[in-house]
């Protein structure tokens, strides 16, 4: 059983006046239980976009992702993500940042 199963995943953003920006296209991936995987590629190739889809922060416009045989429909307690940029409010204390979401 694959822990993460991605099939033909794609994401396209609308861009003014009917244009489209394709951020990710045709990604297929199986990640087995206890398997270590690294996503490697040049800047702008869709690595972070795919991770945001797996985390449930973005919804694929094509294909789908299953985590533990359940379709990813949004963020969940079974997945975590570390952001590549700071995701804190600099004007809040550590405690203030932690309790903000509560």
PDB file of N, CA and C in Angstrom:
ATOM      1  N   UNK A   1       0.843  -1.193   0.000  1.00  0.00           N
ATOM      2  CA  UNK A   1       0.000   0.000   0.000  1.00  0.00           C
ATOM      3  C   UNK A   1       0.884   1.250   0.000  1.00  0.00           C
ATOM      4  N   UNK A   2       0.556   2.177  -0.856  1.00  0.00           N
ATOM      5  CA  UNK A   2       1.283   3.446  -0.912  1.00  0.00           C
ATOM      6  C   UNK A   2       0.717   4.393   0.136  1.00  0.00           C
ATOM      7  N   UNK A   3       1.600   5.085   0.845  1.00  0.00           N
ATOM      8  CA  UNK A   3       1.154   6.097   1.807  1.00  0.00           C
ATOM      9  C   UNK A   3       0.675   7.340   1.066  1.00  0.00           C
ATOM     10  N   UNK A   4       1.411   7.716   0.017  1.00  0.00           N
ATOM     11  CA  UNK A   4       1.010   8.837  -0.836  1.00  0.00           C
ATOM     12  C   UNK A   4       0.924   8.308  -2.260  1.00  0.00           C
ATOM     13  N   UNK A   5      -0.191   8.546  -2.889  1.00  0.00           N
ATOM     14  CA  UNK A   5      -0.423   8.101  -4.251  1.00  0.00           C
ATOM     15  C   UNK A   5      -0.897   9.301  -5.062  1.00  0.00           C
ATOM     16  N   UNK A   6      -0.090   9.728  -6.005  1.00  0.00           N
ATOM     17  CA  UNK A   6      -0.445  10.872  -6.858  1.00  0.00           C
ATOM     18  C   UNK A   6      -0.573  10.371  -8.290  1.00  0.00           C
ATOM     19  N   UNK A   7      -1.659  10.728  -8.942  1.00  0.00           N
ATOM     20  CA  UNK A   7      -1.899  10.299 -10.308  1.00  0.00           C
ATOM     21  C   UNK A   7      -2.208  11.485 -11.208  1.00  0.00           C
ATOM     22  N   UNK A   8      -1.332  11.720 -12.174  1.00  0.00           N
ATOM     23  CA  UNK A   8      -1.525  12.747 -13.202  1.00  0.00           C
ATOM     24  C   UNK A   8      -1.905  14.102 -12.597  1.00  0.00           C
ATOM     25  N   UNK A   9      -1.224  14.492 -11.522  1.00  0.00           N
ATOM     26  CA  UNK A   9      -1.555  15.719 -10.792  1.00  0.00           C
ATOM     27  C   UNK A   9      -1.094  16.944 -11.575  1.00  0.00           C
ATOM     28  N   UNK A  10      -1.971  17.909 -11.666  1.00  0.00           N
ATOM     29  CA  UNK A  10      -1.644  19.169 -12.319  1.00  0.00           C
ATOM     30  C   UNK A  10      -2.321  20.323 -11.607  1.00  0.00           C
ATOM     31  N   UNK A  11      -1.750  21.502 -11.775  1.00  0.00           N
ATOM     32  CA  UNK A  11      -2.338  22.710 -11.210  1.00  0.00           C
ATOM     33  C   UNK A  11      -2.082  23.853 -12.170  1.00  0.00           C
ATOM     34  N   UNK A  12      -3.150  24.525 -12.564  1.00  0.00           N
ATOM     35  CA  UNK A  12      -3.059  25.679 -13.459  1.00  0.00           C
ATOM     36  C   UNK A  12      -3.781  26.851 -12.812  1.00  0.00           C
ATOM     37  N   UNK A  13      -3.144  28.010 -12.857  1.00  0.00           N
ATOM     38  CA  UNK A  13      -3.714  29.233 -12.316  1.00  0.00           C
ATOM     39  C   UNK A  13      -4.243  30.086 -13.463  1.00  0.00           C
ATOM     40  N   UNK A  14      -5.417  30.711 -13.276  1.00  0.00           N
ATOM     41  CA  UNK A  14      -5.858  31.676 -14.288  1.00  0.00           C
ATOM     42  C   UNK A  14      -4.956  32.905 -14.259  1.00  0.00           C
ATOM     43  N   UNK A  15      -4.685  33.432 -15.414  1.00  0.00           N
ATOM     44  CA  UNK A  15      -3.857  34.643 -15.526  1.00  0.00           C
ATOM     45  C   UNK A  15      -4.600  35.616 -16.426  1.00  0.00           C
ATOM     46  N   UNK A  16      -4.783  36.832 -15.958  1.00  0.00           N
ATOM     47  CA  UNK A  16      -5.553  37.875 -16.641  1.00  0.00           C
ATOM     48  C   UNK A  16      -5.824  37.665 -18.124  1.00  0.00           C
ATOM     49  N   UNK A  17      -6.976  38.106 -18.554  1.00  0.00           N
ATOM     50  CA  UNK A  17      -7.421  38.076 -19.948  1.00  0.00           C
ATOM     51  C   UNK A  17      -7.404  36.680 -20.564  1.00  0.00           C
ATOM     52  N   UNK A  18      -7.841  35.703 -19.788  1.00  0.00           N
ATOM     53  CA  UNK A  18      -8.009  34.357 -20.321  1.00  0.00           C
ATOM     54  C   UNK A  18      -6.757  33.507 -20.381  1.00  0.00           C
ATOM     55  N   UNK A  19      -5.650  34.026 -19.896  1.00  0.00           N
ATOM     56  CA  UNK A  19      -4.419  33.242 -19.907  1.00  0.00           C
ATOM     57  C   UNK A  19      -4.370  32.241 -18.761  1.00  0.00           C
ATOM     58  N   UNK A  20      -3.449  31.300 -18.857  1.00  0.00           N
ATOM     59  CA  UNK A  20      -3.290  30.272 -17.835  1.00  0.00           C
ATOM     60  C   UNK A  20      -1.810  30.064 -17.570  1.00  0.00           C
ATOM     61  N   UNK A  21      -1.455  29.913 -16.295  1.00  0.00           N
ATOM     62  CA  UNK A  21      -0.095  29.566 -15.899  1.00  0.00           C
ATOM     63  C   UNK A  21      -0.134  28.132 -15.373  1.00  0.00           C
ATOM     64  N   UNK A  22       0.611  27.243 -15.994  1.00  0.00           N
ATOM     65  CA  UNK A  22       0.676  25.856 -15.549  1.00  0.00           C
ATOM     66  C   UNK A  22       1.809  25.727 -14.549  1.00  0.00           C
ATOM     67  N   UNK A  23       1.452  25.460 -13.283  1.00  0.00           N
ATOM     68  CA  UNK A  23       2.450  25.339 -12.224  1.00  0.00           C
ATOM     69  C   UNK A  23       2.938  23.908 -12.082  1.00  0.00           C
ATOM     70  N   UNK A  24       2.103  22.947 -12.453  1.00  0.00           N
ATOM     71  CA  UNK A  24       2.439  21.536 -12.310  1.00  0.00           C
ATOM     72  C   UNK A  24       1.625  20.764 -13.337  1.00  0.00           C
ATOM     73  N   UNK A  25       2.238  19.764 -13.963  1.00  0.00           N
ATOM     74  CA  UNK A  25       1.519  19.030 -14.996  1.00  0.00           C
ATOM     75  C   UNK A  25       1.954  17.569 -15.029  1.00  0.00           C
ATOM     76  N   UNK A  26       0.983  16.673 -14.957  1.00  0.00           N
ATOM     77  CA  UNK A  26       1.200  15.257 -15.178  1.00  0.00           C
ATOM     78  C   UNK A  26       2.089  14.529 -14.185  1.00  0.00           C
ATOM     79  N   UNK A  27       2.101  14.951 -12.922  1.00  0.00           N
ATOM     80  CA  UNK A  27       2.964  14.298 -11.933  1.00  0.00           C
ATOM     81  C   UNK A  27       2.304  13.029 -11.409  1.00  0.00           C
ATOM     82  N   UNK A  28       3.018  11.914 -11.493  1.00  0.00           N
ATOM     83  CA  UNK A  28       2.565  10.630 -10.957  1.00  0.00           C
ATOM     84  C   UNK A  28       3.647  10.120 -10.025  1.00  0.00           C
ATOM     85  N   UNK A  29       3.250   9.719  -8.812  1.00  0.00           N
ATOM     86  CA  UNK A  29       4.225   9.347  -7.795  1.00  0.00           C
ATOM     87  C   UNK A  29       3.577   8.405  -6.785  1.00  0.00           C
ATOM     88  N   UNK A  30       4.327   7.371  -6.377  1.00  0.00           N
ATOM     89  CA  UNK A  30       3.916   6.499  -5.276  1.00  0.00           C
ATOM     90  C   UNK A  30       4.992   6.574  -4.202  1.00  0.00           C
ATOM     91  N   UNK A  31       4.580   6.809  -2.966  1.00  0.00           N
ATOM     92  CA  UNK A  31       5.506   6.802  -1.839  1.00  0.00           C
ATOM     93  C   UNK A  31       5.024   5.723  -0.879  1.00  0.00           C
ATOM     94  N   UNK A  32       5.850   4.705  -0.678  1.00  0.00           N
ATOM     95  CA  UNK A  32       5.486   3.577   0.178  1.00  0.00           C
ATOM     96  C   UNK A  32       5.701   3.913   1.651  1.00  0.00           C
ATOM     97  N   UNK A  33       5.118   3.097   2.497  1.00  0.00           N
ATOM     98  CA  UNK A  33       5.299   3.229   3.933  1.00  0.00           C
ATOM     99  C   UNK A  33       6.790   3.106   4.274  1.00  0.00           C
ATOM    100  N   UNK A  34       7.288   3.990   5.128  1.00  0.00           N
ATOM    101  CA  UNK A  34       8.695   4.031   5.560  1.00  0.00           C
ATOM    102  C   UNK A  34       9.680   4.345   4.442  1.00  0.00           C
ATOM    103  N   UNK A  35       9.227   4.855   3.342  1.00  0.00           N
ATOM    104  CA  UNK A  35      10.116   5.238   2.237  1.00  0.00           C
ATOM    105  C   UNK A  35      10.501   6.704   2.385  1.00  0.00           C
ATOM    106  N   UNK A  36      11.755   7.007   2.115  1.00  0.00           N
ATOM    107  CA  UNK A  36      12.255   8.377   2.163  1.00  0.00           C
ATOM    108  C   UNK A  36      12.345   8.891   0.728  1.00  0.00           C
ATOM    109  N   UNK A  37      11.765  10.055   0.477  1.00  0.00           N
ATOM    110  CA  UNK A  37      11.732  10.620  -0.871  1.00  0.00           C
ATOM    111  C   UNK A  37      12.199  12.060  -0.828  1.00  0.00           C
ATOM    112  N   UNK A  38      12.980  12.457  -1.821  1.00  0.00           N
ATOM    113  CA  UNK A  38      13.408  13.852  -1.968  1.00  0.00           C
ATOM    114  C   UNK A  38      12.921  14.356  -3.319  1.00  0.00           C
ATOM    115  N   UNK A  39      12.312  15.531  -3.319  1.00  0.00           N
ATOM    116  CA  UNK A  39      11.898  16.170  -4.562  1.00  0.00           C
ATOM    117  C   UNK A  39      12.997  17.145  -4.963  1.00  0.00           C
ATOM    118  N   UNK A  40      13.574  16.921  -6.122  1.00  0.00           N
ATOM    119  CA  UNK A  40      14.697  17.733  -6.587  1.00  0.00           C
ATOM    120  C   UNK A  40      14.365  18.280  -7.966  1.00  0.00           C
ATOM    121  N   UNK A  41      14.664  19.552  -8.177  1.00  0.00           N
ATOM    122  CA  UNK A  41      14.440  20.160  -9.483  1.00  0.00           C
ATOM    123  C   UNK A  41      14.737  21.634  -9.421  1.00  0.00           C
ATOM    124  N   UNK A  42      14.767  22.266 -10.576  1.00  0.00           N
ATOM    125  CA  UNK A  42      15.070  23.692 -10.612  1.00  0.00           C
ATOM    126  C   UNK A  42      13.951  24.535 -10.013  1.00  0.00           C
ATOM    127  N   UNK A  43      14.286  25.745  -9.652  1.00  0.00           N
ATOM    128  CA  UNK A  43      13.313  26.682  -9.119  1.00  0.00           C
ATOM    129  C   UNK A  43      12.163  26.850 -10.105  1.00  0.00           C
ATOM    130  N   UNK A  44      10.950  26.779  -9.583  1.00  0.00           N
ATOM    131  CA  UNK A  44       9.776  27.003 -10.419  1.00  0.00           C
ATOM    132  C   UNK A  44       9.245  25.772 -11.118  1.00  0.00           C
ATOM    133  N   UNK A  45       9.760  24.582 -10.801  1.00  0.00           N
ATOM    134  CA  UNK A  45       9.306  23.373 -11.511  1.00  0.00           C
ATOM    135  C   UNK A  45       8.082  22.730 -10.867  1.00  0.00           C
ATOM    136  N   UNK A  46       7.661  23.183  -9.676  1.00  0.00           N
ATOM    137  CA  UNK A  46       6.440  22.673  -9.065  1.00  0.00           C
ATOM    138  C   UNK A  46       6.629  21.839  -7.813  1.00  0.00           C
ATOM    139  N   UNK A  47       7.837  21.795  -7.265  1.00  0.00           N
ATOM    140  CA  UNK A  47       8.091  20.997  -6.054  1.00  0.00           C
ATOM    141  C   UNK A  47       7.215  21.463  -4.899  1.00  0.00           C
ATOM    142  N   UNK A  48       7.272  22.728  -4.578  1.00  0.00           N
ATOM    143  CA  UNK A  48       6.476  23.278  -3.462  1.00  0.00           C
ATOM    144  C   UNK A  48       4.991  23.206  -3.768  1.00  0.00           C
ATOM    145  N   UNK A  49       4.622  23.428  -5.009  1.00  0.00           N
ATOM    146  CA  UNK A  49       3.215  23.343  -5.399  1.00  0.00           C
ATOM    147  C   UNK A  49       2.668  21.953  -5.099  1.00  0.00           C
ATOM    148  N   UNK A  50       3.434  20.920  -5.448  1.00  0.00           N
ATOM    149  CA  UNK A  50       3.002  19.554  -5.165  1.00  0.00           C
ATOM    150  C   UNK A  50       2.867  19.318  -3.659  1.00  0.00           C
ATOM    151  N   UNK A  51       3.823  19.797  -2.882  1.00  0.00           N
ATOM    152  CA  UNK A  51       3.749  19.624  -1.427  1.00  0.00           C
ATOM    153  C   UNK A  51       2.536  20.343  -0.843  1.00  0.00           C
ATOM    154  N   UNK A  52       2.208  21.515  -1.379  1.00  0.00           N
ATOM    155  CA  UNK A  52       1.014  22.236  -0.927  1.00  0.00           C
ATOM    156  C   UNK A  52      -0.254  21.451  -1.268  1.00  0.00           C
ATOM    157  N   UNK A  53      -0.257  20.749  -2.396  1.00  0.00           N
ATOM    158  CA  UNK A  53      -1.405  19.921  -2.764  1.00  0.00           C
ATOM    159  C   UNK A  53      -1.524  18.735  -1.803  1.00  0.00           C
ATOM    160  N   UNK A  54      -0.405  18.061  -1.510  1.00  0.00           N
ATOM    161  CA  UNK A  54      -0.420  16.929  -0.581  1.00  0.00           C
ATOM    162  C   UNK A  54      -0.868  17.392   0.806  1.00  0.00           C
ATOM    163  N   UNK A  55      -0.418  18.565   1.232  1.00  0.00           N
ATOM    164  CA  UNK A  55      -0.803  19.093   2.545  1.00  0.00           C
ATOM    165  C   UNK A  55      -2.267  19.532   2.586  1.00  0.00           C
ATOM    166  N   UNK A  56      -2.872  19.766   1.418  1.00  0.00           N
ATOM    167  CA  UNK A  56      -4.270  20.183   1.357  1.00  0.00           C
ATOM    168  C   UNK A  56      -4.468  21.681   1.305  1.00  0.00           C
ATOM    169  N   UNK A  57      -3.390  22.440   1.142  1.00  0.00           N
ATOM    170  CA  UNK A  57      -3.498  23.898   1.059  1.00  0.00           C
ATOM    171  C   UNK A  57      -3.901  24.376  -0.336  1.00  0.00           C
ATOM    172  N   UNK A  58      -3.602  23.569  -1.346  1.00  0.00           N
ATOM    173  CA  UNK A  58      -4.030  23.843  -2.719  1.00  0.00           C
ATOM    174  C   UNK A  58      -4.778  22.628  -3.236  1.00  0.00           C
ATOM    175  N   UNK A  59      -5.703  22.859  -4.143  1.00  0.00           N
ATOM    176  CA  UNK A  59      -6.459  21.763  -4.756  1.00  0.00           C
ATOM    177  C   UNK A  59      -5.991  21.612  -6.202  1.00  0.00           C
ATOM    178  N   UNK A  60      -5.626  20.396  -6.559  1.00  0.00           N
ATOM    179  CA  UNK A  60      -5.179  20.122  -7.919  1.00  0.00           C
ATOM    180  C   UNK A  60      -6.303  20.424  -8.900  1.00  0.00           C
ATOM    181  N   UNK A  61      -5.954  20.961 -10.056  1.00  0.00           N
ATOM    182  CA  UNK A  61      -6.948  21.207 -11.093  1.00  0.00           C
ATOM    183  C   UNK A  61      -7.039  20.018 -12.038  1.00  0.00           C
ATOM    184  N   UNK A  62      -6.138  19.063 -11.854  1.00  0.00           N
ATOM    185  CA  UNK A  62      -6.129  17.855 -12.677  1.00  0.00           C
ATOM    186  C   UNK A  62      -5.568  16.703 -11.836  1.00  0.00           C
ATOM    187  N   UNK A  63      -6.094  15.503 -12.016  1.00  0.00           N
ATOM    188  CA  UNK A  63      -5.594  14.343 -11.294  1.00  0.00           C
ATOM    189  C   UNK A  63      -6.001  14.377  -9.833  1.00  0.00           C
ATOM    190  N   UNK A  64      -5.313  13.591  -9.024  1.00  0.00           N
ATOM    191  CA  UNK A  64      -5.660  13.549  -7.612  1.00  0.00           C
ATOM    192  C   UNK A  64      -4.555  12.943  -6.769  1.00  0.00           C
ATOM    193  N   UNK A  65      -4.676  13.169  -5.456  1.00  0.00           N
ATOM    194  CA  UNK A  65      -3.706  12.669  -4.484  1.00  0.00           C
ATOM    195  C   UNK A  65      -4.464  11.937  -3.384  1.00  0.00           C
ATOM    196  N   UNK A  66      -3.970  10.737  -3.052  1.00  0.00           N
ATOM    197  CA  UNK A  66      -4.485   9.970  -1.926  1.00  0.00           C
ATOM    198  C   UNK A  66      -3.397   9.872  -0.877  1.00  0.00           C
ATOM    199  N   UNK A  67      -3.755  10.047   0.374  1.00  0.00           N
ATOM    200  CA  UNK A  67      -2.853   9.810   1.501  1.00  0.00           C
ATOM    201  C   UNK A  67      -3.533   8.766   2.366  1.00  0.00           C
ATOM    202  N   UNK A  68      -2.865   7.635   2.557  1.00  0.00           N
ATOM    203  CA  UNK A  68      -3.443   6.504   3.294  1.00  0.00           C
ATOM    204  C   UNK A  68      -4.807   6.121   2.734  1.00  0.00           C
ATOM    205  N   UNK A  69      -4.891   6.038   1.398  1.00  0.00           N
ATOM    206  CA  UNK A  69      -6.103   5.627   0.669  1.00  0.00           C
ATOM    207  C   UNK A  69      -7.287   6.583   0.811  1.00  0.00           C
ATOM    208  N   UNK A  70      -7.040   7.814   1.274  1.00  0.00           N
ATOM    209  CA  UNK A  70      -8.102   8.819   1.362  1.00  0.00           C
ATOM    210  C   UNK A  70      -7.725  10.011   0.484  1.00  0.00           C
ATOM    211  N   UNK A  71      -8.681  10.488  -0.284  1.00  0.00           N
ATOM    212  CA  UNK A  71      -8.437  11.648  -1.140  1.00  0.00           C
ATOM    213  C   UNK A  71      -8.139  12.874  -0.295  1.00  0.00           C
ATOM    214  N   UNK A  72      -7.167  13.648  -0.710  1.00  0.00           N
ATOM    215  CA  UNK A  72      -6.827  14.898  -0.020  1.00  0.00           C
ATOM    216  C   UNK A  72      -7.848  15.953  -0.436  1.00  0.00           C
ATOM    217  N   UNK A  73      -8.620  16.420   0.533  1.00  0.00           N
ATOM    218  CA  UNK A  73      -9.651  17.422   0.262  1.00  0.00           C
ATOM    219  C   UNK A  73      -9.380  18.725   1.005  1.00  0.00           C
ATOM    220  N   UNK A  74      -8.352  18.741   1.838  1.00  0.00           N
ATOM    221  CA  UNK A  74      -8.001  19.921   2.613  1.00  0.00           C
ATOM    222  C   UNK A  74      -6.960  19.537   3.638  1.00  0.00           C
ATOM    223  N   UNK A  75      -6.496  20.499   4.429  1.00  0.00           N
ATOM    224  CA  UNK A  75      -5.506  20.197   5.468  1.00  0.00           C
ATOM    225  C   UNK A  75      -6.076  19.205   6.482  1.00  0.00           C
ATOM    226  N   UNK A  76      -5.206  18.416   7.088  1.00  0.00           N
ATOM    227  CA  UNK A  76      -5.666  17.453   8.085  1.00  0.00           C
ATOM    228  C   UNK A  76      -4.594  17.179   9.121  1.00  0.00           C
ATOM    229  N   UNK A  77      -4.987  16.620  10.255  1.00  0.00           N
ATOM    230  CA  UNK A  77      -4.042  16.350  11.341  1.00  0.00           C
ATOM    231  C   UNK A  77      -3.077  15.205  11.031  1.00  0.00           C
ATOM    232  N   UNK A  78      -3.320  14.479   9.940  1.00  0.00           N
ATOM    233  CA  UNK A  78      -2.452  13.366   9.558  1.00  0.00           C
ATOM    234  C   UNK A  78      -1.253  13.808   8.712  1.00  0.00           C
ATOM    235  N   UNK A  79      -1.180  15.103   8.394  1.00  0.00           N
ATOM    236  CA  UNK A  79      -0.089  15.631   7.568  1.00  0.00           C
ATOM    237  C   UNK A  79       0.438  16.913   8.176  1.00  0.00           C
ATOM    238  N   UNK A  80       1.741  17.135   8.034  1.00  0.00           N
ATOM    239  CA  UNK A  80       2.352  18.366   8.508  1.00  0.00           C
ATOM    240  C   UNK A  80       3.246  18.944   7.425  1.00  0.00           C
ATOM    241  N   UNK A  81       3.551  20.208   7.563  1.00  0.00           N
ATOM    242  CA  UNK A  81       4.383  20.849   6.549  1.00  0.00           C
ATOM    243  C   UNK A  81       5.243  21.922   7.189  1.00  0.00           C
ATOM    244  N   UNK A  82       6.492  21.955   6.794  1.00  0.00           N
ATOM    245  CA  UNK A  82       7.386  23.050   7.170  1.00  0.00           C
ATOM    246  C   UNK A  82       7.489  23.970   5.966  1.00  0.00           C
ATOM    247  N   UNK A  83       7.252  25.234   6.166  1.00  0.00           N
ATOM    248  CA  UNK A  83       7.276  26.191   5.070  1.00  0.00           C
ATOM    249  C   UNK A  83       8.707  26.626   4.766  1.00  0.00           C
ATOM    250  N   UNK A  84       8.979  26.902   3.500  1.00  0.00           N
ATOM    251  CA  UNK A  84      10.330  27.319   3.130  1.00  0.00           C
ATOM    252  C   UNK A  84      10.596  28.766   3.520  1.00  0.00           C
ATOM    253  N   UNK A  85       9.552  29.529   3.795  1.00  0.00           N
ATOM    254  CA  UNK A  85       9.696  30.905   4.269  1.00  0.00           C
ATOM    255  C   UNK A  85       9.022  31.001   5.638  1.00  0.00           C
ATOM    256  N   UNK A  86       9.430  31.955   6.427  1.00  0.00           N
ATOM    257  CA  UNK A  86       8.824  32.128   7.739  1.00  0.00           C
ATOM    258  C   UNK A  86       7.314  32.309   7.618  1.00  0.00           C
ATOM    259  N   UNK A  87       6.579  31.639   8.473  1.00  0.00           N
ATOM    260  CA  UNK A  87       5.121  31.730   8.464  1.00  0.00           C
ATOM    261  C   UNK A  87       4.617  32.199   9.833  1.00  0.00           C
ATOM    262  N   UNK A  88       5.348  33.119  10.422  1.00  0.00           N
ATOM    263  CA  UNK A  88       4.987  33.642  11.735  1.00  0.00           C
ATOM    264  C   UNK A  88       4.631  35.117  11.638  1.00  0.00           C
ATOM    265  N   UNK A  89       3.903  35.593  12.639  1.00  0.00           N
ATOM    266  CA  UNK A  89       3.631  37.024  12.754  1.00  0.00           C
ATOM    267  C   UNK A  89       4.758  37.624  13.588  1.00  0.00           C
ATOM    268  N   UNK A  90       5.622  38.434  12.995  1.00  0.00           N
ATOM    269  CA  UNK A  90       6.789  38.940  13.732  1.00  0.00           C
ATOM    270  C   UNK A  90       6.438  39.845  14.911  1.00  0.00           C
ATOM    271  N   UNK A  91       5.237  40.406  14.924  1.00  0.00           N
ATOM    272  CA  UNK A  91       4.852  41.303  16.010  1.00  0.00           C
ATOM    273  C   UNK A  91       4.277  40.533  17.208  1.00  0.00           C
ATOM    274  N   UNK A  92       4.069  39.225  17.061  1.00  0.00           N
ATOM    275  CA  UNK A  92       3.552  38.408  18.157  1.00  0.00           C
ATOM    276  C   UNK A  92       4.691  37.656  18.847  1.00  0.00           C
ATOM    277  N   UNK A  93       4.439  37.281  20.082  1.00  0.00           N
ATOM    278  CA  UNK A  93       5.397  36.453  20.810  1.00  0.00           C
ATOM    279  C   UNK A  93       5.294  35.017  20.280  1.00  0.00           C
ATOM    280  N   UNK A  94       6.200  34.159  20.743  1.00  0.00           N
ATOM    281  CA  UNK A  94       6.119  32.744  20.362  1.00  0.00           C
ATOM    282  C   UNK A  94       4.771  32.177  20.781  1.00  0.00           C
ATOM    283  N   UNK A  95       4.381  32.429  22.020  1.00  0.00           N
ATOM    284  CA  UNK A  95       3.093  31.945  22.507  1.00  0.00           C
ATOM    285  C   UNK A  95       1.941  32.529  21.681  1.00  0.00           C
ATOM    286  N   UNK A  96       2.030  33.805  21.363  1.00  0.00           N
ATOM    287  CA  UNK A  96       0.992  34.447  20.557  1.00  0.00           C
ATOM    288  C   UNK A  96       0.841  33.812  19.191  1.00  0.00           C
ATOM    289  N   UNK A  97       1.954  33.413  18.561  1.00  0.00           N
ATOM    290  CA  UNK A  97       1.906  32.736  17.267  1.00  0.00           C
ATOM    291  C   UNK A  97       1.301  31.331  17.413  1.00  0.00           C
ATOM    292  N   UNK A  98       1.636  30.644  18.491  1.00  0.00           N
ATOM    293  CA  UNK A  98       1.135  29.281  18.696  1.00  0.00           C
ATOM    294  C   UNK A  98      -0.369  29.295  18.920  1.00  0.00           C
ATOM    295  N   UNK A  99      -0.867  30.191  19.746  1.00  0.00           N
ATOM    296  CA  UNK A  99      -2.290  30.203  20.077  1.00  0.00           C
ATOM    297  C   UNK A  99      -3.145  30.927  19.027  1.00  0.00           C
ATOM    298  N   UNK A 100      -2.545  31.583  18.070  1.00  0.00           N
ATOM    299  CA  UNK A 100      -3.304  32.318  17.062  1.00  0.00           C
ATOM    300  C   UNK A 100      -4.320  31.416  16.364  1.00  0.00           C
ATOM    301  N   UNK A 101      -3.890  30.234  15.955  1.00  0.00           N
ATOM    302  CA  UNK A 101      -4.776  29.317  15.252  1.00  0.00           C
ATOM    303  C   UNK A 101      -5.878  28.717  16.110  1.00  0.00           C
ATOM    304  N   UNK A 102      -5.693  28.758  17.422  1.00  0.00           N
ATOM    305  CA  UNK A 102      -6.709  28.187  18.310  1.00  0.00           C
ATOM    306  C   UNK A 102      -7.890  29.119  18.436  1.00  0.00           C
TER     307      UNK A 102
END
